[in-house]
PDB file of N, CA and C in Angstrom:
ATOM      1  N   MET A   1     104.120 114.755 102.902  1.00  0.00           N
ATOM      2  CA  MET A   1     103.957 113.017 103.882  1.00  0.00           C
ATOM      3  C   MET A   1     103.908 111.942 103.012  1.00  0.00           C
ATOM      4  N   ALA A   2     102.667 112.076 102.271  1.00  0.00           N
ATOM      5  CA  ALA A   2     102.331 110.884 101.708  1.00  0.00           C
ATOM      6  C   ALA A   2     103.741 110.553 100.665  1.00  0.00           C
ATOM      7  N   GLN A   3     104.115 111.779  99.927  1.00  0.00           N
ATOM      8  CA  GLN A   3     105.274 110.624  98.757  1.00  0.00           C
ATOM      9  C   GLN A   3     106.506 110.468  99.920  1.00  0.00           C
ATOM     10  N   LYS A   4     106.956 111.018 100.881  1.00  0.00           N
ATOM     11  CA  LYS A   4     107.727 110.381 101.589  1.00  0.00           C
ATOM     12  C   LYS A   4     107.243 108.920 102.356  1.00  0.00           C
ATOM     13  N   MET A   5     105.928 108.574 102.580  1.00  0.00           N
ATOM     14  CA  MET A   5     105.580 107.291 102.375  1.00  0.00           C
ATOM     15  C   MET A   5     105.700 106.280 101.339  1.00  0.00           C
ATOM     16  N   ILE A   6     105.668 106.654 100.191  1.00  0.00           N
ATOM     17  CA  ILE A   6     105.517 106.151  99.019  1.00  0.00           C
ATOM     18  C   ILE A   6     107.112 106.087  98.701  1.00  0.00           C
ATOM     19  N   TYR A   7     107.991 106.966  98.946  1.00  0.00           N
ATOM     20  CA  TYR A   7     109.271 106.571  98.580  1.00  0.00           C
ATOM     21  C   TYR A   7     109.754 105.699  99.737  1.00  0.00           C
ATOM     22  N   PHE A   8     109.410 106.083 100.869  1.00  0.00           N
ATOM     23  CA  PHE A   8     110.048 104.744 101.881  1.00  0.00           C
ATOM     24  C   PHE A   8     109.790 103.520 101.394  1.00  0.00           C
ATOM     25  N   SER A   9     108.100 103.371 101.115  1.00  0.00           N
ATOM     26  CA  SER A   9     107.504 101.777 100.803  1.00  0.00           C
ATOM     27  C   SER A   9     108.598 101.133  99.479  1.00  0.00           C
ATOM     28  N   PHE A  10     108.509 102.479  98.709  1.00  0.00           N
ATOM     29  CA  PHE A  10     109.437 101.969  97.274  1.00  0.00           C
ATOM     30  C   PHE A  10     110.938 101.827  97.817  1.00  0.00           C
ATOM     31  N   MET A  11     111.583 101.657  99.071  1.00  0.00           N
ATOM     32  CA  MET A  11     112.959 101.485  99.395  1.00  0.00           C
ATOM     33  C   MET A  11     112.677 100.643 100.010  1.00  0.00           C
ATOM     34  N   PHE A  12     111.742 100.079 100.634  1.00  0.00           N
ATOM     35  CA  PHE A  12     111.423  99.234 101.417  1.00  0.00           C
ATOM     36  C   PHE A  12     111.537  97.947 100.414  1.00  0.00           C
ATOM     37  N   GLY A  13     110.649  98.017  99.525  1.00  0.00           N
ATOM     38  CA  GLY A  13     110.710  97.033  98.281  1.00  0.00           C
ATOM     39  C   GLY A  13     111.683  97.052  97.484  1.00  0.00           C
ATOM     40  N   VAL A  14     112.613  97.946  97.251  1.00  0.00           N
ATOM     41  CA  VAL A  14     113.988  97.520  96.840  1.00  0.00           C
ATOM     42  C   VAL A  14     114.955  96.747  97.552  1.00  0.00           C
ATOM     43  N   TRP A  15     114.659  96.798  98.866  1.00  0.00           N
ATOM     44  CA  TRP A  15     115.507  96.295  99.852  1.00  0.00           C
ATOM     45  C   TRP A  15     114.975  94.682 100.084  1.00  0.00           C
ATOM     46  N   LEU A  16     113.697  94.497 100.126  1.00  0.00           N
ATOM     47  CA  LEU A  16     112.913  93.193 100.277  1.00  0.00           C
ATOM     48  C   LEU A  16     113.497  92.744  98.958  1.00  0.00           C
ATOM     49  N   VAL A  17     113.712  92.987  97.585  1.00  0.00           N
ATOM     50  CA  VAL A  17     114.198  92.655  96.072  1.00  0.00           C
ATOM     51  C   VAL A  17     115.388  91.598  96.637  1.00  0.00           C
ATOM     52  N   TYR A  18     116.220  92.693  97.431  1.00  0.00           N
ATOM     53  CA  TYR A  18     117.809  92.361  97.283  1.00  0.00           C
ATOM     54  C   TYR A  18     117.708  91.372  97.927  1.00  0.00           C
ATOM     55  N   VAL A  19     117.094  91.140  99.229  1.00  0.00           N
ATOM     56  CA  VAL A  19     117.138  90.050 100.144  1.00  0.00           C
ATOM     57  C   VAL A  19     116.772  88.800  99.154  1.00  0.00           C
ATOM     58  N   GLY A  20     115.163  88.868  98.888  1.00  0.00           N
ATOM     59  CA  GLY A  20     114.670  87.810  98.459  1.00  0.00           C
ATOM     60  C   GLY A  20     115.785  87.221  96.947  1.00  0.00           C
ATOM     61  N   SER A  21     116.513  87.850  96.515  1.00  0.00           N
ATOM     62  CA  SER A  21     117.072  87.509  95.146  1.00  0.00           C
ATOM     63  C   SER A  21     118.447  87.072  95.988  1.00  0.00           C
ATOM     64  N   MET A  22     119.365  87.184  97.252  1.00  0.00           N
ATOM     65  CA  MET A  22     120.191  86.900  97.284  1.00  0.00           C
ATOM     66  C   MET A  22     120.319  85.617  98.368  1.00  0.00           C
ATOM     67  N   ILE A  23     119.254  85.093  99.058  1.00  0.00           N
ATOM     68  CA  ILE A  23     119.195  84.307  99.984  1.00  0.00           C
ATOM     69  C   ILE A  23     119.757  83.159  99.478  1.00  0.00           C
ATOM     70  N   PRO A  24     119.115  82.679  97.835  1.00  0.00           N
ATOM     71  CA  PRO A  24     119.072  81.191  97.653  1.00  0.00           C
ATOM     72  C   PRO A  24     120.773  81.103  97.536  1.00  0.00           C
ATOM     73  N   ILE A  25     121.208  82.044  96.965  1.00  0.00           N
ATOM     74  CA  ILE A  25     122.781  82.195  96.713  1.00  0.00           C
ATOM     75  C   ILE A  25     123.693  81.935  97.869  1.00  0.00           C
ATOM     76  N   PHE A  26     123.305  82.715  98.495  1.00  0.00           N
ATOM     77  CA  PHE A  26     124.265  82.671 100.294  1.00  0.00           C
ATOM     78  C   PHE A  26     123.935  81.218 100.870  1.00  0.00           C
ATOM     79  N   LEU A  27     122.631  80.922 100.870  1.00  0.00           N
ATOM     80  CA  LEU A  27     122.814  79.530 100.966  1.00  0.00           C
ATOM     81  C   LEU A  27     122.910  78.564 100.734  1.00  0.00           C
ATOM     82  N   LEU A  28     123.561  78.536  99.532  1.00  0.00           N
ATOM     83  CA  LEU A  28     124.407  77.322  99.316  1.00  0.00           C
ATOM     84  C   LEU A  28     125.732  77.519 100.106  1.00  0.00           C
ATOM     85  N   PHE A  29     126.178  78.320 100.179  1.00  0.00           N
ATOM     86  CA  PHE A  29     127.528  78.462 101.015  1.00  0.00           C
ATOM     87  C   PHE A  29     127.520  78.590 102.383  1.00  0.00           C
ATOM     88  N   MET A  30     126.468  78.914 103.267  1.00  0.00           N
ATOM     89  CA  MET A  30     126.543  78.705 104.668  1.00  0.00           C
ATOM     90  C   MET A  30     125.194  78.321 105.210  1.00  0.00           C
ATOM     91  N   SER A  31     125.092  78.538 106.418  1.00  0.00           N
ATOM     92  CA  SER A  31     124.084  77.996 107.361  1.00  0.00           C
ATOM     93  C   SER A  31     122.926  79.402 106.991  1.00  0.00           C
ATOM     94  N   LEU A  32     121.553  78.782 107.673  1.00  0.00           N
ATOM     95  CA  LEU A  32     120.399  79.655 107.219  1.00  0.00           C
ATOM     96  C   LEU A  32     120.840  80.925 108.105  1.00  0.00           C
ATOM     97  N   GLY A  33     120.915  80.740 109.394  1.00  0.00           N
ATOM     98  CA  GLY A  33     121.414  81.983 110.236  1.00  0.00           C
ATOM     99  C   GLY A  33     122.723  82.929 109.289  1.00  0.00           C
ATOM    100  N   GLN A  34     123.756  82.347 108.954  1.00  0.00           N
ATOM    101  CA  GLN A  34     124.657  83.096 108.694  1.00  0.00           C
ATOM    102  C   GLN A  34     124.364  83.863 107.327  1.00  0.00           C
ATOM    103  N   SER A  35     123.428  83.228 106.633  1.00  0.00           N
ATOM    104  CA  SER A  35     123.450  83.614 105.682  1.00  0.00           C
ATOM    105  C   SER A  35     122.217  84.852 105.455  1.00  0.00           C
ATOM    106  N   LEU A  36     121.383  84.818 106.525  1.00  0.00           N
ATOM    107  CA  LEU A  36     120.378  85.824 106.904  1.00  0.00           C
ATOM    108  C   LEU A  36     120.964  86.796 107.254  1.00  0.00           C
ATOM    109  N   HIS A  37     121.737  87.170 108.196  1.00  0.00           N
ATOM    110  CA  HIS A  37     122.566  87.789 108.735  1.00  0.00           C
ATOM    111  C   HIS A  37     123.373  88.638 107.551  1.00  0.00           C
ATOM    112  N   LEU A  38     124.094  87.845 106.406  1.00  0.00           N
ATOM    113  CA  LEU A  38     125.113  88.779 105.660  1.00  0.00           C
ATOM    114  C   LEU A  38     124.138  89.294 104.653  1.00  0.00           C
ATOM    115  N   VAL A  39     122.785  88.625 104.535  1.00  0.00           N
ATOM    116  CA  VAL A  39     122.044  89.220 103.424  1.00  0.00           C
ATOM    117  C   VAL A  39     121.247  90.371 103.643  1.00  0.00           C
ATOM    118  N   MET A  40     120.856  90.673 104.846  1.00  0.00           N
ATOM    119  CA  MET A  40     120.617  91.613 105.551  1.00  0.00           C
ATOM    120  C   MET A  40     121.398  92.763 105.133  1.00  0.00           C
ATOM    121  N   ILE A  41     122.944  92.569 105.860  1.00  0.00           N
ATOM    122  CA  ILE A  41     123.632  93.931 105.956  1.00  0.00           C
ATOM    123  C   ILE A  41     124.331  93.982 104.197  1.00  0.00           C
ATOM    124  N   VAL A  42     124.304  93.177 103.487  1.00  0.00           N
ATOM    125  CA  VAL A  42     124.370  93.442 102.180  1.00  0.00           C
ATOM    126  C   VAL A  42     123.299  94.037 101.585  1.00  0.00           C
ATOM    127  N   ALA A  43     122.251  93.828 101.593  1.00  0.00           N
ATOM    128  CA  ALA A  43     121.103  94.252 100.885  1.00  0.00           C
ATOM    129  C   ALA A  43     121.111  95.515 101.566  1.00  0.00           C
ATOM    130  N   SER A  44     121.341  95.990 102.870  1.00  0.00           N
ATOM    131  CA  SER A  44     121.223  97.506 103.315  1.00  0.00           C
ATOM    132  C   SER A  44     121.973  98.199 102.645  1.00  0.00           C
ATOM    133  N   VAL A  45     123.237  97.868 102.555  1.00  0.00           N
ATOM    134  CA  VAL A  45     124.443  98.809 101.848  1.00  0.00           C
ATOM    135  C   VAL A  45     124.108  98.979 100.687  1.00  0.00           C
ATOM    136  N   LEU A  46     123.879  97.907  99.672  1.00  0.00           N
ATOM    137  CA  LEU A  46     123.107  98.174  98.333  1.00  0.00           C
ATOM    138  C   LEU A  46     122.418  98.930  98.291  1.00  0.00           C
ATOM    139  N   THR A  47     121.194  98.950  99.184  1.00  0.00           N
ATOM    140  CA  THR A  47     120.029  99.833  99.089  1.00  0.00           C
ATOM    141  C   THR A  47     120.532 101.571  99.488  1.00  0.00           C
ATOM    142  N   LEU A  48     121.356 101.543 100.504  1.00  0.00           N
ATOM    143  CA  LEU A  48     121.548 102.743 100.813  1.00  0.00           C
ATOM    144  C   LEU A  48     122.668 103.551  99.227  1.00  0.00           C
ATOM    145  N   LEU A  49     123.330 102.599  98.744  1.00  0.00           N
ATOM    146  CA  LEU A  49     123.967 102.878  97.246  1.00  0.00           C
ATOM    147  C   LEU A  49     123.206 103.318  96.309  1.00  0.00           C
ATOM    148  N   PHE A  50     121.883 102.674  96.344  1.00  0.00           N
ATOM    149  CA  PHE A  50     121.062 102.905  95.167  1.00  0.00           C
ATOM    150  C   PHE A  50     120.517 104.616  95.451  1.00  0.00           C
ATOM    151  N   ILE A  51     120.095 104.825  97.021  1.00  0.00           N
ATOM    152  CA  ILE A  51     119.537 105.934  97.690  1.00  0.00           C
ATOM    153  C   ILE A  51     120.976 106.801  97.069  1.00  0.00           C
ATOM    154  N   ILE A  52     122.161 106.709  97.331  1.00  0.00           N
ATOM    155  CA  ILE A  52     123.148 108.052  96.822  1.00  0.00           C
ATOM    156  C   ILE A  52     123.296 108.528  95.280  1.00  0.00           C
ATOM    157  N   VAL A  53     122.941 107.107  94.568  1.00  0.00           N
ATOM    158  CA  VAL A  53     123.413 107.069  93.420  1.00  0.00           C
ATOM    159  C   VAL A  53     121.624 107.802  92.957  1.00  0.00           C
ATOM    160  N   GLN A  54     120.831 107.293  93.266  1.00  0.00           N
ATOM    161  CA  GLN A  54     119.448 108.301  92.521  1.00  0.00           C
ATOM    162  C   GLN A  54     119.600 109.529  92.955  1.00  0.00           C
ATOM    163  N   ARG A  55     119.730 110.472  94.127  1.00  0.00           N
ATOM    164  CA  ARG A  55     119.964 111.322  94.914  1.00  0.00           C
ATOM    165  C   ARG A  55     120.963 112.539  93.925  1.00  0.00           C
ATOM    166  N   THR A  56     122.055 111.572  93.466  1.00  0.00           N
ATOM    167  CA  THR A  56     123.263 112.277  92.297  1.00  0.00           C
ATOM    168  C   THR A  56     122.738 112.607  91.615  1.00  0.00           C
ATOM    169  N   PHE A  57     122.268 111.361  90.788  1.00  0.00           N
ATOM    170  CA  PHE A  57     121.392 111.803  89.217  1.00  0.00           C
ATOM    171  C   PHE A  57     120.461 113.184  89.667  1.00  0.00           C
ATOM    172  N   ARG A  58     119.895 112.898  90.222  1.00  0.00           N
ATOM    173  CA  ARG A  58     118.952 114.000  90.405  1.00  0.00           C
ATOM    174  C   ARG A  58     119.403 115.142  90.665  1.00  0.00           C
ATOM    175  N   GLY A  59     120.432 115.571  91.283  1.00  0.00           N
ATOM    176  CA  GLY A  59     120.883 116.638  91.538  1.00  0.00           C
ATOM    177  C   GLY A  59     121.729 116.683  89.904  1.00  0.00           C
ATOM    178  N   LEU A  60     121.777 116.370  89.498  1.00  0.00           N
ATOM    179  CA  LEU A  60     122.790 116.313  88.260  1.00  0.00           C
ATOM    180  C   LEU A  60     121.453 116.768  86.947  1.00  0.00           C
ATOM    181  N   HIS A  61     120.415 116.224  87.175  1.00  0.00           N
ATOM    182  CA  HIS A  61     119.759 116.673  86.324  1.00  0.00           C
ATOM    183  C   HIS A  61     118.908 118.094  86.467  1.00  0.00           C
ATOM    184  N   LEU A  62     118.464 118.252  88.139  1.00  0.00           N
ATOM    185  CA  LEU A  62     118.498 119.679  88.118  1.00  0.00           C
ATOM    186  C   LEU A  62     119.232 120.736  87.705  1.00  0.00           C
ATOM    187  N   ILE A  63     120.782 120.360  87.915  1.00  0.00           N
ATOM    188  CA  ILE A  63     121.760 121.194  87.010  1.00  0.00           C
ATOM    189  C   ILE A  63     121.279 121.446  85.864  1.00  0.00           C
ATOM    190  N   ASN A  64     121.489 120.336  84.976  1.00  0.00           N
ATOM    191  CA  ASN A  64     120.940 120.566  83.551  1.00  0.00           C
ATOM    192  C   ASN A  64     120.343 121.090  83.202  1.00  0.00           C
ATOM    193  N   GLN A  65     118.454 121.181  83.923  1.00  0.00           N
ATOM    194  CA  GLN A  65     117.379 122.198  83.859  1.00  0.00           C
ATOM    195  C   GLN A  65     117.966 123.565  84.046  1.00  0.00           C
ATOM    196  N   ILE A  66     118.690 123.877  85.010  1.00  0.00           N
ATOM    197  CA  ILE A  66     119.196 125.100  85.489  1.00  0.00           C
ATOM    198  C   ILE A  66     119.792 125.822  84.284  1.00  0.00           C
ATOM    199  N   GLN A  67     120.748 124.845  83.995  1.00  0.00           N
ATOM    200  CA  GLN A  67     121.668 125.583  82.758  1.00  0.00           C
ATOM    201  C   GLN A  67     120.583 125.542  81.176  1.00  0.00           C
ATOM    202  N   LYS A  68     119.684 124.962  81.077  1.00  0.00           N
ATOM    203  CA  LYS A  68     119.048 125.342  80.254  1.00  0.00           C
ATOM    204  C   LYS A  68     118.404 126.304  80.318  1.00  0.00           C
ATOM    205  N   ASN A  69     117.994 126.894  81.360  1.00  0.00           N
ATOM    206  CA  ASN A  69     116.855 128.093  81.450  1.00  0.00           C
ATOM    207  C   ASN A  69     117.670 129.118  81.518  1.00  0.00           C
ATOM    208  N   ILE A  70     119.239 129.174  81.332  1.00  0.00           N
ATOM    209  CA  ILE A  70     119.962 130.489  81.302  1.00  0.00           C
ATOM    210  C   ILE A  70     120.261 130.531  80.465  1.00  0.00           C
TER     211      ILE A  70
END
């Protein structure tokens, strides 16, 4: 249970980094409400892609470990 909370807090931190780095860029081109809305959507998509890539490479690492043991 503790590992899941650590993983969740890490993913939330990644999402916050994405939001914090994109807000100033989007504020140059649109209003605050529009930029916050778009930044939250883009940050959520990037975080999901980050999770998918992370799990894919974890699976590939496990496959390599199994092949080395055979």
